N, C-alpha and C. Protein backbone atom coordinates (compact mmCIF):
# COMPACT_ATOMS: atom_id res chain seq x y z
N MET A 1 83.63 102.19 95.88
CA MET A 1 83.67 101.54 94.59
C MET A 1 84.16 100.10 94.78
N SER A 2 83.39 99.14 94.30
CA SER A 2 83.79 97.75 94.47
C SER A 2 84.74 97.32 93.35
N MET A 3 85.64 96.45 93.71
CA MET A 3 86.61 95.93 92.75
C MET A 3 85.99 94.75 92.02
N PRO A 4 86.31 94.58 90.74
CA PRO A 4 85.78 93.43 90.01
C PRO A 4 86.37 92.14 90.57
N ILE A 5 85.58 91.09 90.52
CA ILE A 5 86.05 89.78 90.97
C ILE A 5 87.05 89.26 89.95
N THR A 6 88.16 88.76 90.45
CA THR A 6 89.14 88.17 89.55
C THR A 6 89.21 86.67 89.81
N PHE A 7 89.31 85.92 88.74
CA PHE A 7 89.41 84.47 88.84
C PHE A 7 90.00 83.97 87.54
N SER A 8 90.49 82.77 87.59
CA SER A 8 91.08 82.21 86.38
C SER A 8 89.99 81.60 85.52
N GLU A 9 90.21 81.64 84.22
CA GLU A 9 89.27 81.05 83.27
C GLU A 9 89.12 79.56 83.53
N HIS A 10 90.22 78.91 83.86
CA HIS A 10 90.20 77.47 84.14
C HIS A 10 89.35 77.16 85.37
N GLU A 11 89.54 77.95 86.42
CA GLU A 11 88.77 77.78 87.66
C GLU A 11 87.27 77.99 87.37
N PHE A 12 86.96 79.03 86.64
CA PHE A 12 85.57 79.33 86.29
C PHE A 12 84.95 78.15 85.54
N LYS A 13 85.63 77.69 84.50
CA LYS A 13 85.10 76.59 83.69
C LYS A 13 84.91 75.33 84.52
N ASP A 14 85.88 74.99 85.35
CA ASP A 14 85.78 73.80 86.20
C ASP A 14 84.59 73.90 87.14
N ASN A 15 84.40 75.06 87.76
CA ASN A 15 83.28 75.25 88.69
C ASN A 15 81.94 75.17 87.97
N VAL A 16 81.86 75.75 86.78
CA VAL A 16 80.62 75.71 86.01
C VAL A 16 80.32 74.27 85.58
N LEU A 17 81.31 73.55 85.08
CA LEU A 17 81.09 72.17 84.64
C LEU A 17 80.70 71.28 85.81
N SER A 18 81.30 71.49 86.95
CA SER A 18 80.94 70.72 88.14
C SER A 18 79.48 71.01 88.54
N THR A 19 79.10 72.25 88.48
CA THR A 19 77.72 72.63 88.80
C THR A 19 76.74 72.03 87.80
N LEU A 20 77.09 72.07 86.53
CA LEU A 20 76.23 71.48 85.50
C LEU A 20 76.05 69.99 85.73
N ASN A 21 77.11 69.30 86.10
CA ASN A 21 77.03 67.87 86.35
C ASN A 21 76.12 67.53 87.53
N ALA A 22 75.88 68.49 88.38
CA ALA A 22 75.05 68.25 89.57
C ALA A 22 73.55 68.40 89.30
N ILE A 23 73.16 68.88 88.13
CA ILE A 23 71.74 69.05 87.83
C ILE A 23 71.12 67.65 87.73
N PRO A 24 70.17 67.33 88.61
CA PRO A 24 69.59 65.99 88.57
C PRO A 24 68.64 65.79 87.38
N LYS A 25 68.55 64.55 86.95
CA LYS A 25 67.60 64.20 85.89
C LYS A 25 66.20 64.63 86.35
N GLY A 26 65.46 65.24 85.43
CA GLY A 26 64.12 65.72 85.74
C GLY A 26 64.08 67.18 86.16
N SER A 27 65.25 67.76 86.42
CA SER A 27 65.32 69.16 86.82
C SER A 27 65.87 70.01 85.68
N LEU A 28 65.58 71.30 85.75
CA LEU A 28 66.08 72.26 84.77
C LEU A 28 66.69 73.43 85.51
N SER A 29 67.59 74.12 84.85
CA SER A 29 68.17 75.33 85.42
C SER A 29 68.34 76.36 84.32
N THR A 30 68.75 77.54 84.72
CA THR A 30 68.99 78.62 83.76
C THR A 30 70.47 78.97 83.77
N TYR A 31 70.90 79.66 82.74
CA TYR A 31 72.29 80.08 82.65
C TYR A 31 72.69 80.91 83.87
N GLY A 32 71.83 81.83 84.27
CA GLY A 32 72.11 82.68 85.42
C GLY A 32 72.17 81.91 86.72
N ALA A 33 71.29 80.94 86.90
CA ALA A 33 71.29 80.13 88.12
C ALA A 33 72.54 79.27 88.20
N ILE A 34 72.99 78.76 87.07
CA ILE A 34 74.22 77.96 87.05
C ILE A 34 75.40 78.85 87.43
N ALA A 35 75.47 80.03 86.86
CA ALA A 35 76.55 80.96 87.19
C ALA A 35 76.55 81.26 88.69
N LYS A 36 75.39 81.55 89.23
CA LYS A 36 75.27 81.88 90.65
C LYS A 36 75.64 80.69 91.53
N ALA A 37 75.14 79.50 91.20
CA ALA A 37 75.44 78.30 91.99
C ALA A 37 76.93 77.95 91.94
N ALA A 38 77.59 78.29 90.83
CA ALA A 38 79.03 78.02 90.69
C ALA A 38 79.87 79.08 91.40
N GLY A 39 79.22 80.14 91.88
CA GLY A 39 79.94 81.19 92.59
C GLY A 39 80.28 82.40 91.75
N TYR A 40 79.62 82.54 90.59
CA TYR A 40 79.94 83.63 89.67
C TYR A 40 78.66 84.34 89.22
N SER A 41 77.93 84.86 90.17
CA SER A 41 76.69 85.57 89.85
C SER A 41 76.95 86.65 88.81
N GLY A 42 76.09 86.73 87.82
CA GLY A 42 76.23 87.74 86.77
C GLY A 42 76.99 87.25 85.54
N TYR A 43 77.40 86.00 85.52
CA TYR A 43 78.18 85.48 84.40
C TYR A 43 77.39 84.47 83.56
N ALA A 44 76.10 84.73 83.38
CA ALA A 44 75.24 83.83 82.62
C ALA A 44 75.72 83.65 81.18
N ARG A 45 76.12 84.73 80.54
CA ARG A 45 76.57 84.62 79.14
C ARG A 45 77.80 83.73 79.01
N GLN A 46 78.67 83.81 79.99
CA GLN A 46 79.87 82.98 79.95
C GLN A 46 79.53 81.51 80.15
N VAL A 47 78.50 81.23 80.94
CA VAL A 47 78.02 79.85 81.08
C VAL A 47 77.52 79.37 79.73
N GLY A 48 76.76 80.21 79.04
CA GLY A 48 76.28 79.86 77.70
C GLY A 48 77.42 79.59 76.74
N TYR A 49 78.49 80.36 76.84
CA TYR A 49 79.65 80.16 75.98
C TYR A 49 80.29 78.80 76.23
N ILE A 50 80.42 78.44 77.52
CA ILE A 50 80.97 77.12 77.86
C ILE A 50 80.11 76.02 77.27
N LEU A 51 78.80 76.14 77.43
CA LEU A 51 77.90 75.10 76.91
C LEU A 51 77.95 75.02 75.39
N LYS A 52 78.00 76.17 74.76
CA LYS A 52 78.05 76.21 73.29
C LYS A 52 79.30 75.52 72.76
N ASN A 53 80.36 75.54 73.53
CA ASN A 53 81.64 75.01 73.07
C ASN A 53 82.01 73.65 73.66
N LEU A 54 81.03 72.95 74.22
CA LEU A 54 81.30 71.60 74.70
C LEU A 54 81.57 70.68 73.52
N PRO A 55 82.40 69.68 73.71
CA PRO A 55 82.61 68.71 72.63
C PRO A 55 81.30 68.03 72.26
N GLU A 56 81.17 67.60 71.03
CA GLU A 56 79.92 67.03 70.51
C GLU A 56 79.39 65.88 71.36
N HIS A 57 80.25 65.02 71.84
CA HIS A 57 79.80 63.84 72.59
C HIS A 57 80.00 63.99 74.10
N SER A 58 79.93 65.22 74.57
CA SER A 58 80.10 65.49 75.99
C SER A 58 78.99 64.83 76.81
N THR A 59 79.33 64.38 78.01
CA THR A 59 78.34 63.79 78.90
C THR A 59 77.76 64.82 79.87
N ILE A 60 78.20 66.06 79.77
CA ILE A 60 77.65 67.15 80.59
C ILE A 60 76.17 67.31 80.21
N PRO A 61 75.25 67.38 81.19
CA PRO A 61 73.82 67.51 80.85
C PRO A 61 73.43 68.92 80.42
N TRP A 62 74.02 69.38 79.32
CA TRP A 62 73.80 70.73 78.79
C TRP A 62 72.32 70.97 78.47
N HIS A 63 71.62 69.91 78.12
CA HIS A 63 70.23 70.04 77.70
C HIS A 63 69.31 70.47 78.84
N ARG A 64 69.77 70.36 80.07
CA ARG A 64 68.96 70.74 81.23
C ARG A 64 69.06 72.23 81.57
N VAL A 65 69.77 72.98 80.75
CA VAL A 65 69.93 74.42 80.96
C VAL A 65 69.14 75.15 79.88
N ILE A 66 68.21 75.98 80.34
CA ILE A 66 67.37 76.76 79.42
C ILE A 66 67.45 78.23 79.83
N ASN A 67 66.82 79.09 79.04
CA ASN A 67 66.92 80.52 79.37
C ASN A 67 65.89 80.91 80.44
N ALA A 68 65.97 82.13 80.91
CA ALA A 68 65.12 82.60 81.99
C ALA A 68 63.64 82.66 81.61
N GLN A 69 63.34 82.63 80.32
CA GLN A 69 61.96 82.61 79.87
C GLN A 69 61.39 81.19 79.85
N GLY A 70 62.24 80.23 80.22
CA GLY A 70 61.79 78.84 80.26
C GLY A 70 61.80 78.16 78.90
N ARG A 71 62.68 78.62 78.03
CA ARG A 71 62.76 78.05 76.67
C ARG A 71 64.20 77.73 76.31
N SER A 72 64.33 76.92 75.28
CA SER A 72 65.65 76.65 74.71
C SER A 72 66.18 77.93 74.09
N SER A 73 67.47 78.15 74.21
CA SER A 73 68.08 79.33 73.59
C SER A 73 68.48 79.08 72.15
N PHE A 74 68.37 77.84 71.71
CA PHE A 74 68.70 77.52 70.32
C PHE A 74 67.54 77.92 69.41
N SER A 75 67.86 78.26 68.19
CA SER A 75 66.85 78.66 67.22
C SER A 75 65.91 77.51 66.93
N PRO A 76 64.59 77.75 67.03
CA PRO A 76 63.64 76.70 66.68
C PRO A 76 63.91 76.18 65.27
N GLY A 77 63.88 74.88 65.11
CA GLY A 77 64.16 74.28 63.82
C GLY A 77 65.62 73.89 63.63
N SER A 78 66.49 74.38 64.52
CA SER A 78 67.90 74.03 64.40
C SER A 78 68.14 72.63 64.95
N GLU A 79 69.25 72.05 64.55
CA GLU A 79 69.61 70.70 65.00
C GLU A 79 69.81 70.67 66.52
N ARG A 80 70.43 71.68 67.07
CA ARG A 80 70.68 71.72 68.52
C ARG A 80 69.38 71.90 69.30
N HIS A 81 68.46 72.69 68.76
CA HIS A 81 67.16 72.86 69.42
C HIS A 81 66.43 71.53 69.45
N ALA A 82 66.41 70.84 68.32
CA ALA A 82 65.74 69.54 68.23
C ALA A 82 66.37 68.54 69.19
N ALA A 83 67.70 68.53 69.28
CA ALA A 83 68.40 67.61 70.19
C ALA A 83 68.05 67.91 71.65
N GLN A 84 68.00 69.20 71.99
CA GLN A 84 67.68 69.57 73.36
C GLN A 84 66.25 69.17 73.71
N VAL A 85 65.32 69.50 72.85
CA VAL A 85 63.92 69.16 73.10
C VAL A 85 63.74 67.65 73.21
N ALA A 86 64.38 66.89 72.32
CA ALA A 86 64.26 65.42 72.37
C ALA A 86 64.79 64.88 73.69
N ARG A 87 65.92 65.38 74.14
CA ARG A 87 66.49 64.91 75.41
C ARG A 87 65.58 65.27 76.58
N LEU A 88 65.03 66.49 76.56
CA LEU A 88 64.15 66.91 77.65
C LEU A 88 62.87 66.08 77.67
N ILE A 89 62.31 65.80 76.52
CA ILE A 89 61.11 64.97 76.45
C ILE A 89 61.42 63.58 77.00
N SER A 90 62.60 63.05 76.66
CA SER A 90 62.97 61.71 77.16
C SER A 90 63.11 61.69 78.68
N GLU A 91 63.31 62.85 79.30
CA GLU A 91 63.40 62.94 80.75
C GLU A 91 62.07 63.33 81.39
N GLY A 92 61.01 63.39 80.58
CA GLY A 92 59.68 63.64 81.12
C GLY A 92 59.18 65.07 81.06
N HIS A 93 59.91 65.95 80.41
CA HIS A 93 59.46 67.33 80.28
C HIS A 93 58.55 67.46 79.07
N PRO A 94 57.62 68.44 79.09
CA PRO A 94 56.76 68.65 77.92
C PRO A 94 57.55 69.27 76.76
N GLU A 95 57.04 69.12 75.56
CA GLU A 95 57.71 69.68 74.39
C GLU A 95 57.82 71.20 74.48
N THR A 96 56.79 71.84 74.98
CA THR A 96 56.80 73.28 75.18
C THR A 96 57.00 73.52 76.67
N LEU A 97 58.09 74.16 77.04
CA LEU A 97 58.43 74.30 78.44
C LEU A 97 57.75 75.51 79.07
N GLY A 98 58.34 76.66 78.98
CA GLY A 98 57.78 77.88 79.54
C GLY A 98 58.11 78.07 81.01
N LYS A 99 57.85 79.28 81.49
CA LYS A 99 58.18 79.65 82.87
C LYS A 99 57.40 78.83 83.89
N ALA A 100 56.14 78.52 83.59
CA ALA A 100 55.33 77.77 84.55
C ALA A 100 55.96 76.41 84.82
N HIS A 101 56.39 75.72 83.77
CA HIS A 101 57.03 74.42 83.96
C HIS A 101 58.37 74.59 84.67
N LEU A 102 59.13 75.59 84.29
CA LEU A 102 60.44 75.83 84.89
C LEU A 102 60.33 75.97 86.41
N THR A 103 59.33 76.66 86.89
CA THR A 103 59.19 76.86 88.33
C THR A 103 58.92 75.55 89.07
N THR A 104 58.38 74.55 88.40
CA THR A 104 58.08 73.28 89.08
C THR A 104 59.28 72.34 89.12
N VAL A 105 60.28 72.56 88.27
CA VAL A 105 61.43 71.65 88.19
C VAL A 105 62.76 72.40 88.33
N PHE A 106 62.72 73.62 88.82
CA PHE A 106 63.92 74.47 88.87
C PHE A 106 64.96 73.93 89.83
N TRP A 107 66.21 73.97 89.39
CA TRP A 107 67.35 73.58 90.23
C TRP A 107 68.42 74.65 90.10
N PRO A 108 69.15 75.01 91.08
CA PRO A 108 69.10 74.50 92.46
C PRO A 108 68.01 75.18 93.26
N ILE A 109 67.43 74.44 94.14
CA ILE A 109 66.29 74.97 94.91
C ILE A 109 66.71 75.98 95.97
N PHE A 110 68.00 76.02 96.31
CA PHE A 110 68.45 76.92 97.36
C PHE A 110 68.62 78.36 96.89
N LEU A 111 68.48 78.64 95.59
CA LEU A 111 68.67 80.01 95.11
C LEU A 111 67.46 80.86 95.38
């Protein structure tokens, strides 16, 4: 029987934010890939929680994180969905993303 991984919430958040800051312009990642790259495989929902609770004027590139289906996790028509799509378009991504596009710009490539 394996023991659960223990870590501090502060350590987790710092590692996730550092990983998020490393996503290069033009690339996209998923919540699960960010969790794995930060060293916390299986903690995708917690990555989403961190992103959801970023300060309004955060410089963290939260908009470069989408779900595993290659879409924004925000409700279509919501202010946050519109903001994410606008930022992604400004970085050269199509308005409609999808899995096919995600595979061409996925980060990190080592996963």
